[in-house]
Amino acid sequence: MVESGPYKGVMATYSCIAVDWGTTNRRAWALGADGRALQERSDAAGLLAIKERRFGESLESFLRDWLTPGVPVVMAGMVGSRMGWVEVPYLAAPAPLADLAKNLMKAGRIADSDCWIVPGVSFDGPAQPEVMRGEECQMLGALLQQRRSGGVFLTPGTHSKWVRVADGKLLEFRTYITGEMQDPQRSVPRSLLVGTTIVIVLYVALSLAAMCATPFQKQFVRYLLPLYPLLALALFELLAWGTAQVRSRWPALPAALGTAIPWLVIVVIALRTTSEVRAMYANLHHDVAYEQHGQPVRYRLFYYGPEGADLDAALDWLDRRAAPDDTFAGGDPQWVYLRTGRRCVVPPFVLDGRKGQQLIDSVPVKYLLASVKPGAYERFTAPLLAANPEAWRRVWRGPNGTLDVYERVGPLRP
């Protein structure tokens, strides 16, 4: 006897029991001979709730009094996946929906009733592979109910799908994860903020690791330059989130007041940036002057300073003194080559002066450009010169006292 629904109190003979068994929930319908649902029930015993893969025991307890010897149980959904009772192969789209019944797979037997699982459908889409389990049965039922052979279907859910069916054949479908998004006005800004924060933290950690492994302390600020756009993005996301919070808490507040703080921050940033740019041009935009092939060259360059002036003066001096095939060692080999046409190598990155001398003699190097100020290269050239005073003599010092030029004493030792 039917216990609930439009057929309550009617003695029923079930022809089939249909089960939609998903990852988190389970629903079942007892069907009559005409295919109508006589009873239905549901619970939260999805696949994740089944312990030790006791699917048969769980299903038998769930269906209880509906089970009748010889009445089949037909299941659809994730119960046919790898994590379900039995993994049932997909039908490849395009595929006739009628072929679902031809490809049922037996999963087991409970209370003298055979249990069958409907295969899902796969589609090799142009953007990505697509799969479904359970929705194909819903579309087949909708077509039979509406007496139609095709249409475009939307199956809403956590992973919504758009499906195209024609002449009873499932042709193609696409999956969208919009169902994962709850309260997008809050979750989207929050996820962007959290994601940006994670990226920034990871980038800072990797940058600090790179700084610890490099000998070029003066270049530390360069490693953080790519971080600035991320910081700006995080700031604007924070401002957008704060504005949304103000509007939700005080909806009657005028729009101008609700956005006052973001605009104030933007104005402060603009004023600060303008001030910094003006100061940079006033204090760090230096005059550059040197000779190139006997012709004077003049222009302006940022961060040129005394070190750059001494380097160009040293190259002017070396260009007049050194032989065309002499080799130099210095901190900017590419600039030395462009200015003088001579070969130049970077000083050996070793703290052992004797080892450094062996390496520099293997080139061999005629002139060594050594920075006087402590820095990246001075930590390597200073021990080299201190350990080999008989091999080098200073022949030039820059007008600003930041750079010395040393000449190799005696014959070169390749």
Protein backbone atom coordinates (compact mmCIF):
# COMPACT_ATOMS: atom_id res chain seq x y z
CA MET A 1 0.00 0.00 0.00
CA VAL A 2 1.23 3.45 -0.92
CA GLU A 3 1.92 5.45 2.26
CA SER A 4 2.11 9.01 0.84
CA GLY A 5 1.60 11.16 -2.26
CA PRO A 6 -1.32 11.22 -4.73
CA TYR A 7 -1.65 7.42 -4.59
CA LYS A 8 -1.84 7.18 -0.79
CA GLY A 9 -3.86 4.18 0.37
CA VAL A 10 -3.72 2.44 -3.00
CA MET A 11 -2.40 -1.10 -3.19
CA ALA A 12 0.61 -0.79 -5.46
CA THR A 13 2.58 -3.19 -7.57
CA TYR A 14 5.97 -1.78 -8.31
CA SER A 15 7.53 -2.45 -11.68
CA CYS A 16 10.86 -0.79 -10.92
CA ILE A 17 12.69 1.20 -8.27
CA ALA A 18 14.69 4.15 -9.60
CA VAL A 19 17.53 5.62 -7.54
CA ASP A 20 19.50 8.83 -8.09
CA TRP A 21 22.60 8.29 -5.98
CA GLY A 22 25.03 11.20 -5.89
CA THR A 23 28.06 12.19 -3.91
CA THR A 24 26.20 13.84 -1.02
CA ASN A 25 22.53 12.87 -1.39
CA ARG A 26 20.34 9.95 -2.45
CA ARG A 27 16.79 9.90 -3.80
CA ALA A 28 14.53 6.99 -4.80
CA TRP A 29 11.19 6.52 -6.55
CA ALA A 30 8.96 3.46 -6.62
CA LEU A 31 7.50 3.28 -10.14
CA GLY A 32 4.24 1.71 -11.19
CA ALA A 33 3.58 -0.30 -14.34
CA ASP A 34 2.80 2.92 -16.26
CA GLY A 35 6.08 4.52 -15.20
CA ARG A 36 4.50 6.93 -12.73
CA ALA A 37 6.19 7.54 -9.38
CA LEU A 38 4.01 6.01 -6.69
CA GLN A 39 6.30 6.82 -3.76
CA GLU A 40 9.56 8.68 -3.22
CA ARG A 41 12.04 9.16 -0.43
CA SER A 42 15.47 10.71 0.09
CA ASP A 43 18.29 10.90 2.58
CA ALA A 44 21.80 12.37 2.94
CA ALA A 45 23.60 9.04 2.46
CA GLY A 46 25.61 10.01 -0.60
CA LEU A 47 28.72 8.14 -1.64
CA LEU A 48 30.84 10.02 0.88
CA ALA A 49 28.69 8.72 3.72
CA ILE A 50 29.08 5.04 2.86
CA LYS A 51 31.60 3.32 5.12
CA GLU A 52 33.86 0.51 3.90
CA ARG A 53 32.06 0.47 0.52
CA ARG A 54 28.95 -1.20 1.97
CA PHE A 55 26.74 0.09 -0.84
CA GLY A 56 24.46 -2.96 -0.97
CA GLU A 57 23.72 -2.91 2.76
CA SER A 58 23.07 0.83 2.71
CA LEU A 59 20.73 0.59 -0.28
CA GLU A 60 18.77 -2.31 1.21
CA SER A 61 18.26 -0.38 4.44
CA PHE A 62 17.22 2.72 2.48
CA LEU A 63 14.62 1.00 0.27
CA ARG A 64 13.32 -1.29 3.04
CA ASP A 65 9.65 -2.14 2.36
CA TRP A 66 9.80 -1.27 -1.31
CA LEU A 67 11.97 -4.23 -2.16
CA THR A 68 10.02 -6.98 -3.88
CA PRO A 69 11.57 -10.15 -5.28
CA GLY A 70 12.09 -9.77 -8.99
CA VAL A 71 11.53 -5.99 -9.05
CA PRO A 72 14.75 -4.43 -10.40
CA VAL A 73 16.53 -1.48 -8.88
CA VAL A 74 17.96 0.91 -11.49
CA MET A 75 20.49 3.51 -10.27
CA ALA A 76 22.00 6.57 -11.91
CA GLY A 77 24.49 9.20 -10.83
CA MET A 78 27.90 9.04 -9.19
CA VAL A 79 27.17 5.55 -7.88
CA GLY A 80 28.54 4.40 -11.25
CA SER A 81 31.79 6.33 -10.88
CA ARG A 82 35.18 5.08 -9.72
CA MET A 83 34.33 6.07 -6.16
CA GLY A 84 30.89 4.39 -6.36
CA TRP A 85 29.58 0.86 -6.11
CA VAL A 86 30.76 -0.25 -9.57
CA GLU A 87 32.53 1.88 -12.17
CA VAL A 88 30.41 1.90 -15.33
CA PRO A 89 32.06 3.04 -18.59
CA TYR A 90 30.71 6.21 -20.20
CA LEU A 91 28.85 6.26 -23.48
CA ALA A 92 30.68 8.58 -25.87
CA ALA A 93 28.61 11.45 -27.29
CA PRO A 94 27.06 11.77 -29.77
CA ALA A 95 25.00 8.86 -28.43
CA PRO A 96 21.28 7.90 -28.61
CA LEU A 97 19.70 8.23 -25.18
CA ALA A 98 17.91 4.95 -25.86
CA ASP A 99 21.30 3.22 -25.68
CA LEU A 100 21.43 3.90 -21.95
CA ALA A 101 19.09 0.96 -21.33
CA LYS A 102 21.22 -1.28 -23.57
CA ASN A 103 24.36 -0.60 -21.55
CA LEU A 104 23.19 -1.13 -17.96
CA MET A 105 25.75 -2.78 -15.71
CA LYS A 106 24.77 -5.09 -12.88
CA ALA A 107 26.17 -3.96 -9.55
CA GLY A 108 24.80 -6.66 -7.25
CA ARG A 109 21.66 -8.16 -5.77
CA ILE A 110 19.69 -7.24 -2.64
CA ALA A 111 16.55 -8.97 -1.28
CA ASP A 112 16.22 -11.05 -4.47
CA SER A 113 16.26 -7.90 -6.60
CA ASP A 114 18.92 -7.18 -9.20
CA CYS A 115 20.62 -3.79 -8.95
CA TRP A 116 21.64 -2.07 -12.19
CA ILE A 117 23.58 1.13 -12.87
CA VAL A 118 22.99 3.43 -15.85
CA PRO A 119 26.16 4.52 -17.69
CA GLY A 120 27.06 8.20 -17.85
CA VAL A 121 27.95 10.11 -21.01
CA SER A 122 31.29 11.62 -22.03
CA PHE A 123 32.02 14.26 -24.66
CA ASP A 124 35.36 15.23 -26.14
CA GLY A 125 34.63 18.96 -26.22
CA PRO A 126 36.70 21.55 -28.10
CA ALA A 127 37.69 23.29 -24.87
CA GLN A 128 37.97 20.36 -22.46
CA PRO A 129 36.71 16.79 -21.90
CA GLU A 130 33.18 16.69 -20.45
CA VAL A 131 31.40 14.00 -18.43
CA MET A 132 28.00 13.57 -16.80
CA ARG A 133 26.39 10.95 -14.57
CA GLY A 134 22.69 11.20 -13.80
CA GLU A 135 21.72 14.18 -15.97
CA GLU A 136 21.36 11.92 -19.03
CA CYS A 137 18.47 10.09 -17.32
CA GLN A 138 16.77 13.40 -16.49
CA MET A 139 16.89 14.45 -20.14
CA LEU A 140 15.56 11.10 -21.32
CA GLY A 141 12.66 11.40 -18.89
CA ALA A 142 11.93 14.98 -19.97
CA LEU A 143 11.83 13.98 -23.65
CA LEU A 144 9.49 11.08 -22.95
CA GLN A 145 7.22 13.21 -20.79
CA GLN A 146 7.04 16.04 -23.32
CA ARG A 147 6.84 13.63 -26.28
CA ARG A 148 9.74 15.39 -27.96
CA SER A 149 12.87 14.14 -29.67
CA GLY A 150 15.25 16.99 -28.98
CA GLY A 151 15.98 20.39 -27.48
CA VAL A 152 18.48 22.40 -25.50
CA PHE A 153 18.58 21.49 -21.82
CA LEU A 154 19.93 23.25 -18.74
CA THR A 155 20.60 21.04 -15.72
CA PRO A 156 21.18 23.42 -12.79
CA GLY A 157 23.34 22.36 -9.89
CA THR A 158 26.77 22.72 -8.39
CA HIS A 159 28.18 21.97 -11.84
CA SER A 160 25.47 23.18 -14.22
CA LYS A 161 25.38 21.76 -17.74
CA TRP A 162 24.03 22.99 -21.07
CA VAL A 163 23.11 20.02 -23.27
CA ARG A 164 21.95 19.77 -26.89
CA VAL A 165 19.81 16.81 -27.96
CA ALA A 166 18.43 16.16 -31.46
CA ASP A 167 16.47 13.15 -32.81
CA GLY A 168 16.82 11.41 -29.47
CA LYS A 169 20.61 11.66 -29.62
CA LEU A 170 22.72 13.53 -27.06
CA LEU A 171 25.06 15.55 -29.30
CA GLU A 172 27.18 17.75 -27.04
CA PHE A 173 27.28 19.48 -23.66
CA ARG A 174 29.34 21.94 -21.61
CA THR A 175 29.83 22.17 -17.85
CA TYR A 176 29.94 25.41 -15.84
CA ILE A 177 30.93 25.71 -12.19
CA THR A 178 28.69 28.68 -11.44
CA GLY A 179 26.89 26.57 -8.87
CA GLU A 180 30.05 26.57 -6.77
CA MET A 181 29.61 30.29 -6.26
CA GLN A 182 27.43 31.22 -3.32
CA ASP A 183 26.57 34.91 -2.79
CA PRO A 184 28.89 36.13 -5.58
CA GLN A 185 28.78 39.78 -4.48
CA ARG A 186 30.66 38.73 -1.36
CA SER A 187 32.46 35.56 -2.42
CA VAL A 188 34.09 36.91 -5.61
CA PRO A 189 35.84 39.90 -3.98
CA ARG A 190 36.75 37.74 -1.01
CA SER A 191 38.22 34.97 -3.18
CA LEU A 192 40.18 37.52 -5.24
CA LEU A 193 41.50 39.11 -2.08
CA VAL A 194 42.49 35.77 -0.53
CA GLY A 195 44.00 34.50 -3.79
CA THR A 196 45.99 37.69 -4.32
CA THR A 197 47.24 37.54 -0.74
CA ILE A 198 48.42 33.96 -1.17
CA VAL A 199 50.25 34.83 -4.41
CA ILE A 200 51.92 37.83 -2.77
CA VAL A 201 53.03 35.83 0.26
CA LEU A 202 54.49 33.09 -1.94
CA TYR A 203 56.23 35.63 -4.16
CA VAL A 204 57.74 37.45 -1.17
CA ALA A 205 58.97 34.15 0.27
CA LEU A 206 60.58 33.12 -3.02
CA SER A 207 62.09 36.58 -3.47
CA LEU A 208 63.63 36.48 0.01
CA ALA A 209 65.04 33.05 -0.77
CA ALA A 210 66.58 34.44 -3.98
CA MET A 211 68.03 37.37 -2.07
CA CYS A 212 69.68 35.05 0.42
CA ALA A 213 71.29 33.10 -2.42
CA THR A 214 72.64 36.01 -4.47
CA PRO A 215 75.78 38.06 -3.84
CA PHE A 216 74.29 41.23 -5.37
CA GLN A 217 72.82 43.04 -2.40
CA LYS A 218 72.27 46.23 -4.41
CA GLN A 219 69.91 44.36 -6.71
CA PHE A 220 67.52 43.36 -3.92
CA VAL A 221 65.06 46.12 -4.78
CA ARG A 222 64.81 44.79 -8.35
CA TYR A 223 63.58 41.42 -7.14
CA LEU A 224 60.60 43.12 -5.52
CA LEU A 225 59.60 45.24 -8.53
CA PRO A 226 57.15 42.62 -9.93
CA LEU A 227 55.45 42.66 -6.54
CA TYR A 228 54.21 46.24 -6.92
CA PRO A 229 51.32 45.43 -9.33
CA LEU A 230 50.18 42.67 -6.98
CA LEU A 231 50.25 45.06 -4.05
CA ALA A 232 48.26 47.61 -6.05
CA LEU A 233 45.70 44.94 -7.00
CA ALA A 234 45.38 43.84 -3.37
CA LEU A 235 44.87 47.46 -2.30
CA PHE A 236 42.10 48.10 -4.83
CA GLU A 237 40.42 44.81 -4.00
CA LEU A 238 40.48 45.79 -0.33
CA LEU A 239 38.97 49.17 -1.17
CA ALA A 240 36.25 47.54 -3.28
CA TRP A 241 35.44 45.09 -0.49
CA GLY A 242 35.34 47.90 2.08
CA THR A 243 33.01 49.97 -0.13
CA ALA A 244 30.66 47.00 -0.53
CA GLN A 245 30.62 46.48 3.23
CA VAL A 246 29.76 50.15 3.84
CA ARG A 247 26.91 50.05 1.30
CA SER A 248 25.46 46.84 2.73
CA ARG A 249 25.58 48.13 6.31
CA TRP A 250 24.34 51.64 5.58
CA PRO A 251 22.22 51.41 2.40
CA ALA A 252 20.77 54.91 2.92
CA LEU A 253 24.21 56.48 2.87
CA PRO A 254 24.75 58.74 -0.21
CA ALA A 255 26.90 57.15 -2.88
CA ALA A 256 29.44 59.97 -2.66
CA LEU A 257 30.05 59.24 1.02
CA GLY A 258 30.18 55.50 0.45
CA THR A 259 33.07 55.90 -1.97
CA ALA A 260 34.83 58.72 -0.12
CA ILE A 261 37.55 56.55 1.43
CA PRO A 262 38.62 54.89 -1.87
CA TRP A 263 38.77 58.25 -3.62
CA LEU A 264 40.75 59.73 -0.72
CA VAL A 265 43.26 56.88 -0.93
CA ILE A 266 43.58 57.34 -4.71
CA VAL A 267 44.16 61.08 -4.31
CA VAL A 268 46.83 60.50 -1.65
CA ILE A 269 48.57 57.94 -3.89
CA ALA A 270 48.45 60.34 -6.86
CA LEU A 271 49.91 63.22 -4.85
CA ARG A 272 52.61 61.00 -3.38
CA THR A 273 53.51 59.61 -6.82
CA THR A 274 53.73 63.10 -8.31
CA SER A 275 56.01 64.23 -5.50
CA GLU A 276 58.27 61.19 -5.88
CA VAL A 277 58.55 61.60 -9.65
CA ARG A 278 59.48 65.27 -9.32
CA ALA A 279 62.09 64.43 -6.67
CA MET A 280 63.49 61.62 -8.83
CA TYR A 281 63.95 63.94 -11.80
CA ALA A 282 65.47 66.64 -9.60
CA ASN A 283 67.92 64.43 -7.67
CA LEU A 284 68.52 61.25 -9.67
CA HIS A 285 68.48 62.38 -13.30
CA HIS A 286 72.21 62.89 -13.88
CA ASP A 287 74.32 64.24 -16.73
CA VAL A 288 76.36 61.66 -18.64
CA ALA A 289 79.48 62.66 -20.58
CA TYR A 290 82.16 60.51 -22.22
CA GLU A 291 83.97 59.99 -25.51
CA GLN A 292 82.98 57.39 -28.10
CA HIS A 293 85.47 56.84 -30.93
CA GLY A 294 86.91 60.28 -30.30
CA GLN A 295 83.52 62.02 -30.35
CA PRO A 296 81.95 63.56 -27.22
CA VAL A 297 78.69 61.97 -26.07
CA ARG A 298 76.27 63.72 -23.69
CA TYR A 299 72.83 62.80 -22.39
CA ARG A 300 70.97 62.35 -19.10
CA LEU A 301 70.43 59.09 -17.25
CA PHE A 302 68.69 58.04 -14.04
CA TYR A 303 70.85 56.72 -11.17
CA TYR A 304 74.10 57.49 -12.98
CA GLY A 305 75.90 58.99 -9.98
CA PRO A 306 79.65 59.12 -9.17
CA GLU A 307 80.16 55.40 -9.83
CA GLY A 308 78.86 55.66 -13.38
CA ALA A 309 80.93 58.77 -14.08
CA ASP A 310 84.10 57.07 -12.83
CA LEU A 311 83.40 53.97 -14.94
CA ASP A 312 83.00 56.01 -18.12
CA ALA A 313 86.13 58.02 -17.29
CA ALA A 314 88.05 54.77 -16.76
CA LEU A 315 86.87 53.44 -20.12
CA ASP A 316 87.93 56.68 -21.82
CA TRP A 317 91.38 56.29 -20.25
CA LEU A 318 91.65 52.59 -21.13
CA ASP A 319 90.48 53.15 -24.71
CA ARG A 320 93.48 55.42 -25.24
CA ARG A 321 96.00 53.24 -23.38
CA ALA A 322 95.08 49.58 -23.87
CA ALA A 323 95.98 47.50 -26.90
CA PRO A 324 93.09 46.34 -29.15
CA ASP A 325 93.49 42.69 -28.05
CA ASP A 326 93.73 43.37 -24.29
CA THR A 327 91.11 41.76 -22.08
CA PHE A 328 89.50 43.53 -19.12
CA ALA A 329 87.71 42.31 -15.98
CA GLY A 330 84.96 44.45 -14.54
CA GLY A 331 81.44 44.59 -13.21
CA ASP A 332 79.75 45.70 -16.46
CA PRO A 333 81.35 43.63 -19.25
CA GLN A 334 78.62 44.41 -21.79
CA TRP A 335 79.09 48.18 -21.34
CA VAL A 336 82.88 47.84 -21.49
CA TYR A 337 82.60 46.02 -24.81
CA LEU A 338 80.16 48.54 -26.27
CA ARG A 339 82.32 51.46 -25.19
CA THR A 340 85.78 50.16 -26.08
CA GLY A 341 85.33 47.14 -28.35
CA ARG A 342 87.54 45.08 -26.01
CA ARG A 343 86.64 41.78 -24.47
CA CYS A 344 85.65 41.92 -20.81
CA VAL A 345 84.81 39.26 -18.20
CA VAL A 346 83.23 39.43 -14.77
CA PRO A 347 85.70 39.03 -11.85
CA PRO A 348 85.69 35.46 -10.42
CA PHE A 349 83.03 34.95 -7.77
CA VAL A 350 85.39 33.38 -5.23
CA LEU A 351 86.57 34.73 -1.88
CA ASP A 352 89.89 32.89 -2.03
CA GLY A 353 92.32 35.42 -3.55
CA ARG A 354 94.76 32.78 -4.83
CA LYS A 355 91.99 30.82 -6.52
CA GLY A 356 90.64 34.04 -7.99
CA GLN A 357 94.06 34.85 -9.44
CA GLN A 358 94.29 31.43 -11.08
CA LEU A 359 90.89 31.92 -12.68
CA ILE A 360 91.61 35.44 -13.91
CA ASP A 361 94.99 34.33 -15.34
CA SER A 362 93.25 31.60 -17.32
CA VAL A 363 91.60 34.25 -19.52
CA PRO A 364 94.12 36.07 -19.31
CA VAL A 365 93.17 39.56 -18.02
CA LYS A 366 95.35 42.62 -18.60
CA TYR A 367 93.35 45.30 -16.75
CA LEU A 368 91.12 44.92 -13.68
CA LEU A 369 88.41 47.49 -12.88
CA ALA A 370 87.97 47.32 -9.10
CA SER A 371 85.33 49.21 -7.17
CA VAL A 372 86.63 51.05 -4.11
CA LYS A 373 83.27 51.20 -2.33
CA PRO A 374 82.08 48.00 -0.62
CA GLY A 375 79.58 46.25 -2.82
CA ALA A 376 78.82 43.24 -4.94
CA TYR A 377 82.14 42.97 -6.83
CA GLU A 378 84.43 44.57 -4.25
CA ARG A 379 83.96 41.54 -2.00
CA PHE A 380 85.67 39.42 -4.70
CA THR A 381 88.25 41.84 -6.14
CA ALA A 382 89.54 42.99 -2.72
CA PRO A 383 90.79 39.53 -1.59
CA LEU A 384 92.21 38.90 -5.07
CA LEU A 385 94.32 42.07 -4.94
CA ALA A 386 95.29 41.57 -1.29
CA ALA A 387 96.51 38.00 -1.90
CA ASN A 388 98.49 38.90 -5.03
CA PRO A 389 100.11 42.35 -4.49
CA GLU A 390 103.05 41.45 -6.75
CA ALA A 391 100.74 40.68 -9.69
CA TRP A 392 98.88 44.00 -9.92
CA ARG A 393 99.66 47.70 -9.77
CA ARG A 394 97.17 50.53 -9.66
CA VAL A 395 97.48 52.74 -12.74
CA TRP A 396 94.39 54.94 -12.48
CA ARG A 397 91.82 56.16 -9.94
CA GLY A 398 88.51 57.79 -10.81
CA PRO A 399 87.97 61.49 -10.16
CA ASN A 400 85.22 60.65 -7.68
CA GLY A 401 87.36 58.02 -5.91
CA THR A 402 84.90 55.15 -6.49
CA LEU A 403 86.87 53.06 -9.04
CA ASP A 404 90.48 51.95 -9.53
CA VAL A 405 92.10 50.42 -12.60
CA TYR A 406 94.85 47.82 -12.01
CA GLU A 407 97.30 46.56 -14.64
CA ARG A 408 98.73 43.05 -14.62
CA VAL A 409 102.46 43.11 -13.73
CA GLY A 410 104.76 40.99 -15.83
CA PRO A 411 103.85 38.64 -18.65
CA LEU A 412 100.27 37.30 -18.84
CA ARG A 413 99.82 33.67 -17.86
CA PRO A 414 97.11 31.98 -19.94
